[in-house]
Amino acid sequence: MAGKSKTDVAARSGAKTSAKLCSICGNKVDVIMAVSPSGKKSMRRLCCDG
């Protein structure tokens, strides 16, 4: 069973490279890390104002 993998590496890499699209406008969603004044970090998804 050498060379066999339980995960489909090609499918996983394809999922990572696929762009997330906005459900409202259909454009690509940008993900940024925002830091609040208190120092808390959060990931934000930016797209349209909807």
C-alpha atoms as a PDB file:
ATOM      1  CA  MET A   1       0.000   0.000   0.000  1.00  0.00           C
ATOM      2  CA  ALA A   2       2.942   2.329  -0.503  1.00  0.00           C
ATOM      3  CA  GLY A   3       1.990   5.542  -2.258  1.00  0.00           C
ATOM      4  CA  LYS A   4      -1.675   5.351  -1.211  1.00  0.00           C
ATOM      5  CA  SER A   5      -3.185   8.305   0.606  1.00  0.00           C
ATOM      6  CA  LYS A   6      -6.461   8.511   2.464  1.00  0.00           C
ATOM      7  CA  THR A   7      -7.045  12.079   1.294  1.00  0.00           C
ATOM      8  CA  ASP A   8      -7.430  13.298  -2.262  1.00  0.00           C
ATOM      9  CA  VAL A   9      -4.627  15.842  -2.423  1.00  0.00           C
ATOM     10  CA  ALA A  10      -5.672  17.179  -5.829  1.00  0.00           C
ATOM     11  CA  ALA A  11      -9.212  17.854  -4.629  1.00  0.00           C
ATOM     12  CA  ARG A  12      -7.972  19.620  -1.502  1.00  0.00           C
ATOM     13  CA  SER A  13      -5.587  21.871  -3.446  1.00  0.00           C
ATOM     14  CA  GLY A  14      -8.357  22.673  -5.923  1.00  0.00           C
ATOM     15  CA  ALA A  15     -10.664  23.711  -3.099  1.00  0.00           C
ATOM     16  CA  LYS A  16      -8.000  26.008  -1.658  1.00  0.00           C
ATOM     17  CA  THR A  17      -7.367  27.767  -4.963  1.00  0.00           C
ATOM     18  CA  SER A  18     -11.034  28.271  -5.807  1.00  0.00           C
ATOM     19  CA  ALA A  19     -12.181  31.812  -5.073  1.00  0.00           C
ATOM     20  CA  LYS A  20     -14.991  32.479  -2.638  1.00  0.00           C
ATOM     21  CA  LEU A  21     -17.704  34.507  -4.356  1.00  0.00           C
ATOM     22  CA  CYS A  22     -20.137  36.957  -2.798  1.00  0.00           C
ATOM     23  CA  SER A  23     -23.701  35.669  -2.634  1.00  0.00           C
ATOM     24  CA  ILE A  24     -25.054  39.173  -3.348  1.00  0.00           C
ATOM     25  CA  CYS A  25     -22.944  40.596  -6.190  1.00  0.00           C
ATOM     26  CA  GLY A  26     -20.965  37.536  -7.357  1.00  0.00           C
ATOM     27  CA  ASN A  27     -17.549  39.200  -7.050  1.00  0.00           C
ATOM     28  CA  LYS A  28     -14.541  37.719  -5.263  1.00  0.00           C
ATOM     29  CA  VAL A  29     -14.575  38.219  -1.470  1.00  0.00           C
ATOM     30  CA  ASP A  30     -11.423  39.651   0.122  1.00  0.00           C
ATOM     31  CA  VAL A  31     -10.488  38.316   3.558  1.00  0.00           C
ATOM     32  CA  ILE A  32      -8.463  40.624   5.796  1.00  0.00           C
ATOM     33  CA  MET A  33      -7.273  40.482   9.389  1.00  0.00           C
ATOM     34  CA  ALA A  34      -8.603  43.420  11.411  1.00  0.00           C
ATOM     35  CA  VAL A  35      -7.210  44.423  14.801  1.00  0.00           C
ATOM     36  CA  SER A  36      -9.525  46.230  17.222  1.00  0.00           C
ATOM     37  CA  PRO A  37      -8.240  49.018  19.497  1.00  0.00           C
ATOM     38  CA  SER A  38      -8.221  46.539  22.389  1.00  0.00           C
ATOM     39  CA  GLY A  39      -5.838  44.284  20.413  1.00  0.00           C
ATOM     40  CA  LYS A  40      -8.313  41.539  19.476  1.00  0.00           C
ATOM     41  CA  LYS A  41      -7.708  40.101  15.999  1.00  0.00           C
ATOM     42  CA  SER A  42     -10.538  39.018  13.726  1.00  0.00           C
ATOM     43  CA  MET A  43     -10.875  37.896  10.127  1.00  0.00           C
ATOM     44  CA  ARG A  44     -13.236  40.015   8.048  1.00  0.00           C
ATOM     45  CA  ARG A  45     -14.708  39.331   4.641  1.00  0.00           C
ATOM     46  CA  LEU A  46     -14.980  42.417   2.471  1.00  0.00           C
ATOM     47  CA  CYS A  47     -17.070  42.769  -0.649  1.00  0.00           C
ATOM     48  CA  CYS A  48     -20.143  44.841  -1.432  1.00  0.00           C
ATOM     49  CA  ASP A  49     -21.976  46.931   1.158  1.00  0.00           C
ATOM     50  CA  GLY A  50     -24.907  44.478   1.232  1.00  0.00           C
END
